[in-house]
C-alpha atoms as a PDB file:
ATOM      1  CA  UNK A   1       6.310 -19.961  -2.392  1.00  0.00           C
ATOM      2  CA  UNK A   2       5.545 -16.933   0.241  1.00  0.00           C
ATOM      3  CA  UNK A   3       6.496 -13.684  -0.972  1.00  0.00           C
ATOM      4  CA  UNK A   4       8.786 -13.238   2.251  1.00  0.00           C
ATOM      5  CA  UNK A   5      10.598 -16.239   0.966  1.00  0.00           C
ATOM      6  CA  UNK A   6      11.134 -15.051  -2.650  1.00  0.00           C
ATOM      7  CA  UNK A   7      13.847 -12.745  -2.373  1.00  0.00           C
ATOM      8  CA  UNK A   8      15.664 -15.007  -0.096  1.00  0.00           C
ATOM      9  CA  UNK A   9      15.726 -18.221  -2.192  1.00  0.00           C
ATOM     10  CA  UNK A  10      18.194 -16.555  -4.639  1.00  0.00           C
ATOM     11  CA  UNK A  11      21.369 -16.504  -2.421  1.00  0.00           C
ATOM     12  CA  UNK A  12      20.751 -18.669   0.526  1.00  0.00           C
ATOM     13  CA  UNK A  13      23.969 -18.063   2.283  1.00  0.00           C
ATOM     14  CA  UNK A  14      23.076 -14.521   2.590  1.00  0.00           C
ATOM     15  CA  UNK A  15      20.878 -12.616   4.916  1.00  0.00           C
ATOM     16  CA  UNK A  16      18.770 -11.526   1.818  1.00  0.00           C
ATOM     17  CA  UNK A  17      20.034 -10.296  -1.955  1.00  0.00           C
ATOM     18  CA  UNK A  18      16.956  -7.681  -1.880  1.00  0.00           C
ATOM     19  CA  UNK A  19      16.198  -6.792   1.934  1.00  0.00           C
ATOM     20  CA  UNK A  20      17.960  -8.075   4.957  1.00  0.00           C
ATOM     21  CA  UNK A  21      14.616  -8.908   7.159  1.00  0.00           C
ATOM     22  CA  UNK A  22      15.134 -10.356  10.455  1.00  0.00           C
ATOM     23  CA  UNK A  23      14.012 -13.869  11.845  1.00  0.00           C
ATOM     24  CA  UNK A  24      11.374 -12.295  13.802  1.00  0.00           C
ATOM     25  CA  UNK A  25      10.112 -10.440  10.813  1.00  0.00           C
ATOM     26  CA  UNK A  26      10.093 -13.696   8.630  1.00  0.00           C
ATOM     27  CA  UNK A  27       8.737 -15.793  11.600  1.00  0.00           C
ATOM     28  CA  UNK A  28       7.034 -13.621  14.166  1.00  0.00           C
ATOM     29  CA  UNK A  29       5.912 -15.714  17.494  1.00  0.00           C
ATOM     30  CA  UNK A  30       2.867 -17.194  18.387  1.00  0.00           C
ATOM     31  CA  UNK A  31       1.701 -16.831  14.386  1.00  0.00           C
ATOM     32  CA  UNK A  32      -0.010 -19.106  12.373  1.00  0.00           C
ATOM     33  CA  UNK A  33      -0.331 -16.877   9.327  1.00  0.00           C
ATOM     34  CA  UNK A  34       2.475 -16.204   7.004  1.00  0.00           C
ATOM     35  CA  UNK A  35       2.248 -12.424   7.464  1.00  0.00           C
ATOM     36  CA  UNK A  36       4.004 -12.129   4.024  1.00  0.00           C
ATOM     37  CA  UNK A  37       1.430  -9.175   3.644  1.00  0.00           C
ATOM     38  CA  UNK A  38       1.512  -8.295   7.467  1.00  0.00           C
ATOM     39  CA  UNK A  39       1.342  -5.426   9.657  1.00  0.00           C
ATOM     40  CA  UNK A  40       4.797  -4.603  10.266  1.00  0.00           C
ATOM     41  CA  UNK A  41       6.227  -1.654   9.740  1.00  0.00           C
ATOM     42  CA  UNK A  42       9.525  -0.578   8.100  1.00  0.00           C
ATOM     43  CA  UNK A  43      12.560  -1.098  10.065  1.00  0.00           C
ATOM     44  CA  UNK A  44      16.404  -0.653   9.398  1.00  0.00           C
ATOM     45  CA  UNK A  45      16.275  -4.220   9.427  1.00  0.00           C
ATOM     46  CA  UNK A  46      14.514  -4.267   6.172  1.00  0.00           C
ATOM     47  CA  UNK A  47      16.794  -2.579   3.918  1.00  0.00           C
ATOM     48  CA  UNK A  48      20.397  -3.912   3.944  1.00  0.00           C
ATOM     49  CA  UNK A  49      22.468  -1.211   5.903  1.00  0.00           C
ATOM     50  CA  UNK A  50      25.773  -2.501   4.065  1.00  0.00           C
ATOM     51  CA  UNK A  51      24.153  -1.881   0.502  1.00  0.00           C
ATOM     52  CA  UNK A  52      26.224   0.455  -1.831  1.00  0.00           C
ATOM     53  CA  UNK A  53      25.246   3.994  -2.730  1.00  0.00           C
ATOM     54  CA  UNK A  54      22.665   3.884  -5.436  1.00  0.00           C
ATOM     55  CA  UNK A  55      21.111   7.114  -7.208  1.00  0.00           C
ATOM     56  CA  UNK A  56      18.151   7.866  -6.834  1.00  0.00           C
ATOM     57  CA  UNK A  57      15.606   8.371  -9.720  1.00  0.00           C
ATOM     58  CA  UNK A  58      15.129  12.124 -11.489  1.00  0.00           C
ATOM     59  CA  UNK A  59      11.583  13.047 -10.764  1.00  0.00           C
ATOM     60  CA  UNK A  60      10.024  12.811 -14.086  1.00  0.00           C
ATOM     61  CA  UNK A  61       6.758  14.581 -15.827  1.00  0.00           C
ATOM     62  CA  UNK A  62       3.420  13.801 -14.379  1.00  0.00           C
ATOM     63  CA  UNK A  63       2.571  11.048 -16.005  1.00  0.00           C
ATOM     64  CA  UNK A  64      -0.858  12.113 -16.117  1.00  0.00           C
ATOM     65  CA  UNK A  65      -0.460  15.613 -17.939  1.00  0.00           C
ATOM     66  CA  UNK A  66       0.605  18.586 -16.587  1.00  0.00           C
ATOM     67  CA  UNK A  67      -2.106  20.066 -14.005  1.00  0.00           C
ATOM     68  CA  UNK A  68      -3.462  16.896 -13.152  1.00  0.00           C
ATOM     69  CA  UNK A  69      -3.386  14.794 -10.207  1.00  0.00           C
ATOM     70  CA  UNK A  70      -4.347  11.608  -8.917  1.00  0.00           C
ATOM     71  CA  UNK A  71      -8.392  11.439  -7.672  1.00  0.00           C
ATOM     72  CA  UNK A  72      -8.928   7.301  -8.025  1.00  0.00           C
ATOM     73  CA  UNK A  73      -6.804   4.482  -6.830  1.00  0.00           C
ATOM     74  CA  UNK A  74      -7.307   0.617  -7.049  1.00  0.00           C
ATOM     75  CA  UNK A  75      -4.795  -2.222  -5.843  1.00  0.00           C
ATOM     76  CA  UNK A  76      -4.407  -5.691  -7.124  1.00  0.00           C
ATOM     77  CA  UNK A  77      -3.058  -8.161  -4.867  1.00  0.00           C
ATOM     78  CA  UNK A  78      -1.892 -11.095  -6.028  1.00  0.00           C
ATOM     79  CA  UNK A  79      -0.699 -14.477  -5.029  1.00  0.00           C
ATOM     80  CA  UNK A  80      -1.989 -18.216  -4.539  1.00  0.00           C
ATOM     81  CA  UNK A  81      -1.033 -17.741  -0.540  1.00  0.00           C
ATOM     82  CA  UNK A  82      -3.728 -15.220   0.139  1.00  0.00           C
ATOM     83  CA  UNK A  83      -6.281 -16.900  -1.358  1.00  0.00           C
ATOM     84  CA  UNK A  84      -5.855 -20.165   0.216  1.00  0.00           C
ATOM     85  CA  UNK A  85      -4.977 -18.702   3.518  1.00  0.00           C
ATOM     86  CA  UNK A  86      -1.623 -18.955   4.246  1.00  0.00           C
ATOM     87  CA  UNK A  87      -0.804 -15.580   4.152  1.00  0.00           C
ATOM     88  CA  UNK A  88      -2.664 -12.556   5.488  1.00  0.00           C
ATOM     89  CA  UNK A  89      -2.859  -9.726   3.249  1.00  0.00           C
ATOM     90  CA  UNK A  90      -2.408  -6.010   5.359  1.00  0.00           C
ATOM     91  CA  UNK A  91      -0.680  -4.476   2.413  1.00  0.00           C
ATOM     92  CA  UNK A  92      -4.250  -3.070   1.209  1.00  0.00           C
ATOM     93  CA  UNK A  93      -4.539  -1.824   4.472  1.00  0.00           C
ATOM     94  CA  UNK A  94      -1.503   0.005   4.552  1.00  0.00           C
ATOM     95  CA  UNK A  95      -2.788   1.034   1.155  1.00  0.00           C
ATOM     96  CA  UNK A  96      -5.897   2.129   1.874  1.00  0.00           C
ATOM     97  CA  UNK A  97      -4.256   4.563   4.724  1.00  0.00           C
ATOM     98  CA  UNK A  98      -2.014   5.925   2.212  1.00  0.00           C
ATOM     99  CA  UNK A  99      -4.442   6.875  -0.314  1.00  0.00           C
ATOM    100  CA  UNK A 100      -6.685   8.414   2.440  1.00  0.00           C
ATOM    101  CA  UNK A 101      -3.961  10.343   3.824  1.00  0.00           C
ATOM    102  CA  UNK A 102      -3.104  12.020   0.682  1.00  0.00           C
ATOM    103  CA  UNK A 103      -6.753  12.968  -0.299  1.00  0.00           C
ATOM    104  CA  UNK A 104      -7.098   9.678  -2.933  1.00  0.00           C
ATOM    105  CA  UNK A 105     -10.393   7.877  -3.284  1.00  0.00           C
ATOM    106  CA  UNK A 106      -9.525   4.323  -3.115  1.00  0.00           C
ATOM    107  CA  UNK A 107     -11.974   2.687  -5.042  1.00  0.00           C
ATOM    108  CA  UNK A 108     -11.096  -1.388  -5.347  1.00  0.00           C
ATOM    109  CA  UNK A 109      -9.219  -3.965  -4.000  1.00  0.00           C
ATOM    110  CA  UNK A 110      -9.079  -7.293  -5.310  1.00  0.00           C
ATOM    111  CA  UNK A 111      -7.295  -9.975  -4.715  1.00  0.00           C
ATOM    112  CA  UNK A 112      -6.428 -12.800  -7.411  1.00  0.00           C
ATOM    113  CA  UNK A 113      -4.550 -15.843  -8.130  1.00  0.00           C
ATOM    114  CA  UNK A 114      -1.247 -15.984  -9.720  1.00  0.00           C
ATOM    115  CA  UNK A 115      -2.851 -16.589 -13.367  1.00  0.00           C
ATOM    116  CA  UNK A 116      -1.901 -14.811 -16.177  1.00  0.00           C
ATOM    117  CA  UNK A 117      -5.271 -14.391 -17.844  1.00  0.00           C
ATOM    118  CA  UNK A 118      -6.840 -12.905 -14.454  1.00  0.00           C
ATOM    119  CA  UNK A 119      -3.805 -10.662 -14.120  1.00  0.00           C
ATOM    120  CA  UNK A 120      -4.067  -9.562 -17.575  1.00  0.00           C
ATOM    121  CA  UNK A 121      -7.911  -8.608 -17.467  1.00  0.00           C
ATOM    122  CA  UNK A 122      -7.568  -7.273 -14.099  1.00  0.00           C
ATOM    123  CA  UNK A 123      -4.388  -4.844 -14.764  1.00  0.00           C
ATOM    124  CA  UNK A 124      -5.990  -3.422 -18.142  1.00  0.00           C
ATOM    125  CA  UNK A 125      -9.302  -2.758 -16.668  1.00  0.00           C
ATOM    126  CA  UNK A 126      -7.952  -1.011 -13.857  1.00  0.00           C
ATOM    127  CA  UNK A 127      -5.609   0.988 -15.557  1.00  0.00           C
ATOM    128  CA  UNK A 128      -8.373   1.913 -18.058  1.00  0.00           C
ATOM    129  CA  UNK A 129     -10.532   3.000 -14.915  1.00  0.00           C
ATOM    130  CA  UNK A 130      -8.193   4.647 -12.318  1.00  0.00           C
ATOM    131  CA  UNK A 131      -5.514   7.135 -11.969  1.00  0.00           C
ATOM    132  CA  UNK A 132      -3.383   5.295  -9.794  1.00  0.00           C
ATOM    133  CA  UNK A 133      -3.109   1.313  -9.594  1.00  0.00           C
ATOM    134  CA  UNK A 134      -0.446  -1.064  -7.951  1.00  0.00           C
ATOM    135  CA  UNK A 135       0.029  -4.582  -7.941  1.00  0.00           C
ATOM    136  CA  UNK A 136       1.883  -6.723  -4.921  1.00  0.00           C
ATOM    137  CA  UNK A 137       3.346  -9.557  -5.090  1.00  0.00           C
ATOM    138  CA  UNK A 138       4.740 -12.054  -7.575  1.00  0.00           C
ATOM    139  CA  UNK A 139       8.111 -10.431  -8.615  1.00  0.00           C
ATOM    140  CA  UNK A 140      10.254 -12.665  -7.048  1.00  0.00           C
ATOM    141  CA  UNK A 141      12.617 -15.178  -8.586  1.00  0.00           C
ATOM    142  CA  UNK A 142      10.709 -18.320  -8.600  1.00  0.00           C
ATOM    143  CA  UNK A 143       8.539 -20.230 -11.166  1.00  0.00           C
ATOM    144  CA  UNK A 144       5.182 -18.782  -9.796  1.00  0.00           C
ATOM    145  CA  UNK A 145       6.480 -15.241  -9.829  1.00  0.00           C
ATOM    146  CA  UNK A 146       4.850 -14.205 -13.150  1.00  0.00           C
ATOM    147  CA  UNK A 147       3.604 -10.350 -12.621  1.00  0.00           C
ATOM    148  CA  UNK A 148       6.481  -9.013 -14.756  1.00  0.00           C
ATOM    149  CA  UNK A 149       5.587 -11.391 -17.531  1.00  0.00           C
ATOM    150  CA  UNK A 150       1.780 -11.095 -17.101  1.00  0.00           C
ATOM    151  CA  UNK A 151       1.711  -7.566 -17.176  1.00  0.00           C
ATOM    152  CA  UNK A 152       3.965  -7.650 -20.339  1.00  0.00           C
ATOM    153  CA  UNK A 153       1.564  -9.308 -22.343  1.00  0.00           C
ATOM    154  CA  UNK A 154      -1.146  -6.893 -20.702  1.00  0.00           C
ATOM    155  CA  UNK A 155       0.163  -4.433 -22.634  1.00  0.00           C
ATOM    156  CA  UNK A 156       1.638  -6.099 -25.503  1.00  0.00           C
ATOM    157  CA  UNK A 157       5.280  -5.069 -24.738  1.00  0.00           C
ATOM    158  CA  UNK A 158       8.241  -8.064 -24.504  1.00  0.00           C
ATOM    159  CA  UNK A 159      10.481  -8.739 -21.451  1.00  0.00           C
ATOM    160  CA  UNK A 160      13.734  -7.205 -21.718  1.00  0.00           C
ATOM    161  CA  UNK A 161      16.555  -7.112 -18.715  1.00  0.00           C
ATOM    162  CA  UNK A 162      16.903  -3.667 -16.912  1.00  0.00           C
ATOM    163  CA  UNK A 163      20.366  -2.679 -16.969  1.00  0.00           C
ATOM    164  CA  UNK A 164      20.834  -0.541 -14.119  1.00  0.00           C
ATOM    165  CA  UNK A 165      18.718  -3.036 -12.088  1.00  0.00           C
ATOM    166  CA  UNK A 166      21.088  -6.021 -12.591  1.00  0.00           C
ATOM    167  CA  UNK A 167      24.027  -3.560 -12.020  1.00  0.00           C
ATOM    168  CA  UNK A 168      22.487  -2.531  -8.470  1.00  0.00           C
ATOM    169  CA  UNK A 169      21.739  -6.502  -7.908  1.00  0.00           C
ATOM    170  CA  UNK A 170      25.258  -7.281  -8.621  1.00  0.00           C
ATOM    171  CA  UNK A 171      26.942  -4.690  -6.964  1.00  0.00           C
ATOM    172  CA  UNK A 172      24.789  -5.378  -3.724  1.00  0.00           C
ATOM    173  CA  UNK A 173      25.707  -9.526  -3.938  1.00  0.00           C
ATOM    174  CA  UNK A 174      28.952  -8.591  -4.520  1.00  0.00           C
ATOM    175  CA  UNK A 175      29.318  -6.702  -1.043  1.00  0.00           C
ATOM    176  CA  UNK A 176      27.568  -9.440   0.325  1.00  0.00           C
ATOM    177  CA  UNK A 177      29.303 -12.411  -0.810  1.00  0.00           C
ATOM    178  CA  UNK A 178      32.118 -14.544  -2.809  1.00  0.00           C
ATOM    179  CA  UNK A 179      30.527 -14.779  -6.089  1.00  0.00           C
ATOM    180  CA  UNK A 180      31.535 -18.347  -5.432  1.00  0.00           C
ATOM    181  CA  UNK A 181      28.762 -19.153  -3.514  1.00  0.00           C
ATOM    182  CA  UNK A 182      26.420 -18.441  -6.340  1.00  0.00           C
ATOM    183  CA  UNK A 183      25.825 -21.002  -9.117  1.00  0.00           C
ATOM    184  CA  UNK A 184      24.704 -19.686 -12.363  1.00  0.00           C
ATOM    185  CA  UNK A 185      21.067 -21.654 -12.038  1.00  0.00           C
ATOM    186  CA  UNK A 186      20.539 -19.097  -8.805  1.00  0.00           C
ATOM    187  CA  UNK A 187      22.469 -15.856 -10.798  1.00  0.00           C
ATOM    188  CA  UNK A 188      19.596 -16.723 -13.745  1.00  0.00           C
ATOM    189  CA  UNK A 189      16.914 -17.010 -11.195  1.00  0.00           C
ATOM    190  CA  UNK A 190      18.122 -13.804  -9.598  1.00  0.00           C
ATOM    191  CA  UNK A 191      18.351 -12.402 -12.743  1.00  0.00           C
ATOM    192  CA  UNK A 192      14.150 -13.021 -13.241  1.00  0.00           C
ATOM    193  CA  UNK A 193      13.851  -9.818 -10.607  1.00  0.00           C
ATOM    194  CA  UNK A 194      15.413  -7.350 -13.549  1.00  0.00           C
ATOM    195  CA  UNK A 195      13.111  -8.963 -16.490  1.00  0.00           C
ATOM    196  CA  UNK A 196      10.798  -5.938 -16.712  1.00  0.00           C
ATOM    197  CA  UNK A 197       8.205  -5.396 -19.781  1.00  0.00           C
ATOM    198  CA  UNK A 198       9.778  -2.982 -22.433  1.00  0.00           C
ATOM    199  CA  UNK A 199      10.363   0.708 -21.856  1.00  0.00           C
ATOM    200  CA  UNK A 200       8.517   0.594 -18.514  1.00  0.00           C
ATOM    201  CA  UNK A 201       9.241   3.612 -16.319  1.00  0.00           C
ATOM    202  CA  UNK A 202      12.033   2.428 -13.536  1.00  0.00           C
ATOM    203  CA  UNK A 203      11.785   4.200 -10.831  1.00  0.00           C
ATOM    204  CA  UNK A 204      14.608   3.700  -7.842  1.00  0.00           C
ATOM    205  CA  UNK A 205      13.169   5.242  -4.564  1.00  0.00           C
ATOM    206  CA  UNK A 206      16.159   5.174  -2.142  1.00  0.00           C
ATOM    207  CA  UNK A 207      20.163   5.267  -2.147  1.00  0.00           C
ATOM    208  CA  UNK A 208      19.679   1.524   0.001  1.00  0.00           C
ATOM    209  CA  UNK A 209      16.587  -0.015  -2.068  1.00  0.00           C
ATOM    210  CA  UNK A 210      18.217  -1.690  -5.497  1.00  0.00           C
ATOM    211  CA  UNK A 211      14.435  -3.133  -6.180  1.00  0.00           C
ATOM    212  CA  UNK A 212      12.734  -0.189  -8.629  1.00  0.00           C
ATOM    213  CA  UNK A 213       9.116   0.624  -8.685  1.00  0.00           C
ATOM    214  CA  UNK A 214       8.081  -0.519 -12.293  1.00  0.00           C
ATOM    215  CA  UNK A 215       5.317   1.904 -13.422  1.00  0.00           C
ATOM    216  CA  UNK A 216       3.596   1.016 -17.054  1.00  0.00           C
ATOM    217  CA  UNK A 217       1.255   3.167 -18.923  1.00  0.00           C
ATOM    218  CA  UNK A 218       1.874   5.851 -16.301  1.00  0.00           C
ATOM    219  CA  UNK A 219      -0.718   4.743 -13.817  1.00  0.00           C
ATOM    220  CA  UNK A 220      -0.019   0.976 -12.645  1.00  0.00           C
ATOM    221  CA  UNK A 221       2.865   0.762 -10.332  1.00  0.00           C
ATOM    222  CA  UNK A 222       4.379  -2.732  -9.537  1.00  0.00           C
ATOM    223  CA  UNK A 223       5.353  -3.612  -5.914  1.00  0.00           C
ATOM    224  CA  UNK A 224       6.721  -6.678  -4.105  1.00  0.00           C
ATOM    225  CA  UNK A 225       4.347  -8.398  -1.474  1.00  0.00           C
ATOM    226  CA  UNK A 226       7.075  -8.241   1.626  1.00  0.00           C
ATOM    227  CA  UNK A 227       5.387  -5.827   3.752  1.00  0.00           C
ATOM    228  CA  UNK A 228       8.154  -3.631   4.976  1.00  0.00           C
ATOM    229  CA  UNK A 229       9.618  -3.033   1.388  1.00  0.00           C
ATOM    230  CA  UNK A 230       6.071  -2.855   0.147  1.00  0.00           C
ATOM    231  CA  UNK A 231       5.756   0.018   2.560  1.00  0.00           C
ATOM    232  CA  UNK A 232       8.931   1.395   2.295  1.00  0.00           C
ATOM    233  CA  UNK A 233       8.687   1.549  -1.447  1.00  0.00           C
ATOM    234  CA  UNK A 234       5.251   2.781  -1.579  1.00  0.00           C
ATOM    235  CA  UNK A 235       6.153   5.928   1.175  1.00  0.00           C
ATOM    236  CA  UNK A 236       9.415   6.657  -1.099  1.00  0.00           C
ATOM    237  CA  UNK A 237       7.428   6.823  -4.550  1.00  0.00           C
ATOM    238  CA  UNK A 238       5.680   9.489  -2.760  1.00  0.00           C
ATOM    239  CA  UNK A 239       7.386  12.793  -4.714  1.00  0.00           C
ATOM    240  CA  UNK A 240       7.319  10.541  -7.974  1.00  0.00           C
ATOM    241  CA  UNK A 241       3.597  10.715  -8.006  1.00  0.00           C
ATOM    242  CA  UNK A 242       1.042  13.954  -8.770  1.00  0.00           C
ATOM    243  CA  UNK A 243      -0.665  13.723  -5.617  1.00  0.00           C
ATOM    244  CA  UNK A 244      -3.554  16.189  -4.481  1.00  0.00           C
ATOM    245  CA  UNK A 245      -2.595  19.256  -2.697  1.00  0.00           C
ATOM    246  CA  UNK A 246      -2.807  19.257   0.936  1.00  0.00           C
ATOM    247  CA  UNK A 247      -5.790  21.779   1.219  1.00  0.00           C
ATOM    248  CA  UNK A 248      -7.815  18.880  -0.827  1.00  0.00           C
ATOM    249  CA  UNK A 249      -7.177  15.974   1.565  1.00  0.00           C
ATOM    250  CA  UNK A 250     -10.140  15.202   4.028  1.00  0.00           C
ATOM    251  CA  UNK A 251     -10.399  15.258   7.544  1.00  0.00           C
ATOM    252  CA  UNK A 252     -11.867  12.511   9.736  1.00  0.00           C
ATOM    253  CA  UNK A 253     -13.332  12.867  13.028  1.00  0.00           C
ATOM    254  CA  UNK A 254     -14.445   9.906  15.117  1.00  0.00           C
ATOM    255  CA  UNK A 255     -17.106  10.276  18.116  1.00  0.00           C
ATOM    256  CA  UNK A 256     -17.499   7.448  20.561  1.00  0.00           C
ATOM    257  CA  UNK A 257     -20.728   6.576  22.323  1.00  0.00           C
ATOM    258  CA  UNK A 258     -21.735   4.080  24.613  1.00  0.00           C
ATOM    259  CA  UNK A 259     -25.765   4.009  23.157  1.00  0.00           C
ATOM    260  CA  UNK A 260     -26.823   1.165  20.938  1.00  0.00           C
ATOM    261  CA  UNK A 261     -26.252   1.594  17.168  1.00  0.00           C
ATOM    262  CA  UNK A 262     -30.273   1.641  16.789  1.00  0.00           C
ATOM    263  CA  UNK A 263     -30.772   4.455  19.277  1.00  0.00           C
ATOM    264  CA  UNK A 264     -28.367   6.750  17.381  1.00  0.00           C
ATOM    265  CA  UNK A 265     -29.298   5.287  13.572  1.00  0.00           C
ATOM    266  CA  UNK A 266     -32.257   7.566  12.763  1.00  0.00           C
ATOM    267  CA  UNK A 267     -30.230  10.569  13.977  1.00  0.00           C
ATOM    268  CA  UNK A 268     -27.151   9.405  11.778  1.00  0.00           C
ATOM    269  CA  UNK A 269     -29.489   9.192   8.977  1.00  0.00           C
ATOM    270  CA  UNK A 270     -30.890  12.375   9.094  1.00  0.00           C
ATOM    271  CA  UNK A 271     -27.291  14.011   9.386  1.00  0.00           C
ATOM    272  CA  UNK A 272     -26.243  11.964   6.116  1.00  0.00           C
ATOM    273  CA  UNK A 273     -29.327  13.323   4.715  1.00  0.00           C
ATOM    274  CA  UNK A 274     -28.687  16.794   5.660  1.00  0.00           C
ATOM    275  CA  UNK A 275     -25.171  17.279   4.382  1.00  0.00           C
ATOM    276  CA  UNK A 276     -25.232  14.644   1.233  1.00  0.00           C
ATOM    277  CA  UNK A 277     -22.040  14.475  -0.286  1.00  0.00           C
ATOM    278  CA  UNK A 278     -20.108  16.966   1.584  1.00  0.00           C
ATOM    279  CA  UNK A 279     -19.498  14.819   4.678  1.00  0.00           C
ATOM    280  CA  UNK A 280     -19.696  10.905   4.721  1.00  0.00           C
ATOM    281  CA  UNK A 281     -21.027   9.367   8.009  1.00  0.00           C
ATOM    282  CA  UNK A 282     -20.458   6.199   9.363  1.00  0.00           C
ATOM    283  CA  UNK A 283     -21.133   3.921  12.202  1.00  0.00           C
ATOM    284  CA  UNK A 284     -19.200   0.944  13.340  1.00  0.00           C
ATOM    285  CA  UNK A 285     -19.917  -0.740  16.619  1.00  0.00           C
ATOM    286  CA  UNK A 286     -17.762  -2.655  18.953  1.00  0.00           C
ATOM    287  CA  UNK A 287     -19.391  -5.548  20.304  1.00  0.00           C
ATOM    288  CA  UNK A 288     -20.146  -4.767  24.152  1.00  0.00           C
ATOM    289  CA  UNK A 289     -18.545  -1.808  24.376  1.00  0.00           C
ATOM    290  CA  UNK A 290     -20.358   1.081  22.105  1.00  0.00           C
ATOM    291  CA  UNK A 291     -20.364   2.862  18.618  1.00  0.00           C
ATOM    292  CA  UNK A 292     -17.813   4.528  16.860  1.00  0.00           C
ATOM    293  CA  UNK A 293     -19.294   7.371  14.283  1.00  0.00           C
ATOM    294  CA  UNK A 294     -16.770   8.778  11.639  1.00  0.00           C
ATOM    295  CA  UNK A 295     -16.985  11.897  10.261  1.00  0.00           C
ATOM    296  CA  UNK A 296     -14.902  12.489   7.094  1.00  0.00           C
ATOM    297  CA  UNK A 297     -14.976  15.653   5.053  1.00  0.00           C
ATOM    298  CA  UNK A 298     -13.164  18.611   3.393  1.00  0.00           C
ATOM    299  CA  UNK A 299     -12.446  21.406   6.326  1.00  0.00           C
ATOM    300  CA  UNK A 300     -14.569  23.768   5.883  1.00  0.00           C
ATOM    301  CA  UNK A 301     -16.843  21.174   4.618  1.00  0.00           C
ATOM    302  CA  UNK A 302     -19.538  23.858   3.734  1.00  0.00           C
ATOM    303  CA  UNK A 303     -21.461  27.061   4.758  1.00  0.00           C
ATOM    304  CA  UNK A 304     -23.852  28.418   7.394  1.00  0.00           C
ATOM    305  CA  UNK A 305     -26.872  30.385   6.637  1.00  0.00           C
ATOM    306  CA  UNK A 306     -24.906  33.098   7.578  1.00  0.00           C
ATOM    307  CA  UNK A 307     -22.470  32.414   4.775  1.00  0.00           C
ATOM    308  CA  UNK A 308     -19.552  31.975   7.095  1.00  0.00           C
ATOM    309  CA  UNK A 309     -17.533  28.377   7.000  1.00  0.00           C
ATOM    310  CA  UNK A 310     -18.649  25.432   8.333  1.00  0.00           C
ATOM    311  CA  UNK A 311     -15.849  23.395  10.040  1.00  0.00           C
ATOM    312  CA  UNK A 312     -15.944  19.482  10.459  1.00  0.00           C
ATOM    313  CA  UNK A 313     -15.206  20.131  14.163  1.00  0.00           C
ATOM    314  CA  UNK A 314     -18.446  21.916  14.479  1.00  0.00           C
ATOM    315  CA  UNK A 315     -20.405  19.414  13.458  1.00  0.00           C
ATOM    316  CA  UNK A 316     -18.371  16.661  14.946  1.00  0.00           C
ATOM    317  CA  UNK A 317     -19.462  18.864  18.373  1.00  0.00           C
ATOM    318  CA  UNK A 318     -23.273  18.701  17.442  1.00  0.00           C
ATOM    319  CA  UNK A 319     -22.730  14.769  17.061  1.00  0.00           C
ATOM    320  CA  UNK A 320     -21.276  14.439  20.658  1.00  0.00           C
ATOM    321  CA  UNK A 321     -24.453  16.315  22.287  1.00  0.00           C
ATOM    322  CA  UNK A 322     -27.253  14.302  19.804  1.00  0.00           C
ATOM    323  CA  UNK A 323     -25.569  10.996  20.814  1.00  0.00           C
ATOM    324  CA  UNK A 324     -24.107  11.757  24.601  1.00  0.00           C
ATOM    325  CA  UNK A 325     -20.926  10.887  23.100  1.00  0.00           C
ATOM    326  CA  UNK A 326     -16.815  12.199  22.882  1.00  0.00           C
ATOM    327  CA  UNK A 327     -14.318  12.903  20.221  1.00  0.00           C
ATOM    328  CA  UNK A 328     -11.663  10.192  20.568  1.00  0.00           C
ATOM    329  CA  UNK A 329      -7.988   9.917  19.348  1.00  0.00           C
ATOM    330  CA  UNK A 330      -6.707   7.141  17.029  1.00  0.00           C
ATOM    331  CA  UNK A 331      -5.054   5.720  20.186  1.00  0.00           C
ATOM    332  CA  UNK A 332      -8.336   5.559  22.115  1.00  0.00           C
ATOM    333  CA  UNK A 333     -10.049   3.806  19.024  1.00  0.00           C
ATOM    334  CA  UNK A 334      -7.376   0.943  19.041  1.00  0.00           C
ATOM    335  CA  UNK A 335      -7.626   0.757  22.817  1.00  0.00           C
ATOM    336  CA  UNK A 336     -11.472  -0.020  22.946  1.00  0.00           C
ATOM    337  CA  UNK A 337     -11.058  -2.041  19.778  1.00  0.00           C
ATOM    338  CA  UNK A 338      -8.641  -4.120  21.656  1.00  0.00           C
ATOM    339  CA  UNK A 339      -6.238  -3.811  18.427  1.00  0.00           C
ATOM    340  CA  UNK A 340      -2.856  -2.091  20.400  1.00  0.00           C
ATOM    341  CA  UNK A 341      -0.446  -4.369  19.146  1.00  0.00           C
ATOM    342  CA  UNK A 342      -2.169  -4.517  15.441  1.00  0.00           C
ATOM    343  CA  UNK A 343      -2.662  -0.741  14.604  1.00  0.00           C
ATOM    344  CA  UNK A 344      -0.476   0.763  11.921  1.00  0.00           C
ATOM    345  CA  UNK A 345       0.989   4.020  11.940  1.00  0.00           C
ATOM    346  CA  UNK A 346       1.472   5.686   8.916  1.00  0.00           C
ATOM    347  CA  UNK A 347       4.190   8.417   9.302  1.00  0.00           C
ATOM    348  CA  UNK A 348       3.948  10.711   5.574  1.00  0.00           C
END
């Protein structure tokens, strides 16, 4: 079952138990793919407006240890529907933008099927290697939602119902419909969404969201695959994460030129050699239009010969002159790429 419908299947006579998604969100017009992990930004329709006000979890101690910060991240996208092409995954794109904006290096994105052995192997490997790991998908009420149970096996924990999650779920269902509309099998299916690995950290990120972020081993956070809910919950988790300070976050400047990529390639190679790891230089052609040159680095990103700080904007000014280009905004980039309808604005 697609991730967009998993939270709907439990209580069919209500808009949704977990989140009120509009029909337009669930079945966008003129789309051939199910956008269960789509580029749809969070809206008020994504979260119940009439939900009881639930308390937000307190900020816990730093799970990585006092004074440590998240430096590296990885994403594990779970779902047969992603791999067979039925569903377009763009949650990983949102996560990539989130990581960049917060100064975290996203090192790996993997897409795997709803297979217990694959989830176990990938989750163990990623938790061992990266500071912050997320999973998306596979936490609904149906038979193919096996993320929680697989992670419980991965970290040698039994599955137990989480009392507070059950309480919030029942409070929300009580505000939506009479209990007489729900039979025992439907209730049992709903309770599966509160069946977590024992002693997992359960984080409630907002008053109007009953679905928690479940954190294991201090590093792995479990998210739903529904895009509006995933985006809302990831953004809401920010205060609970030991992220780098703002001064450590990178800056990105992009320059557009109409010159062919082969023409500017020698200069870009020499530029990268000059700055090595201090500045990341990339080039991205747009067929028939030109090339975007991307500069990513700290600010300042080095020192001049006279000892004064060298800022990324100064390097960008040099690049403008050398390739006959100009610095462009994100909006201009989207327009030139013809992606106005798909650009994702991450409001942090």
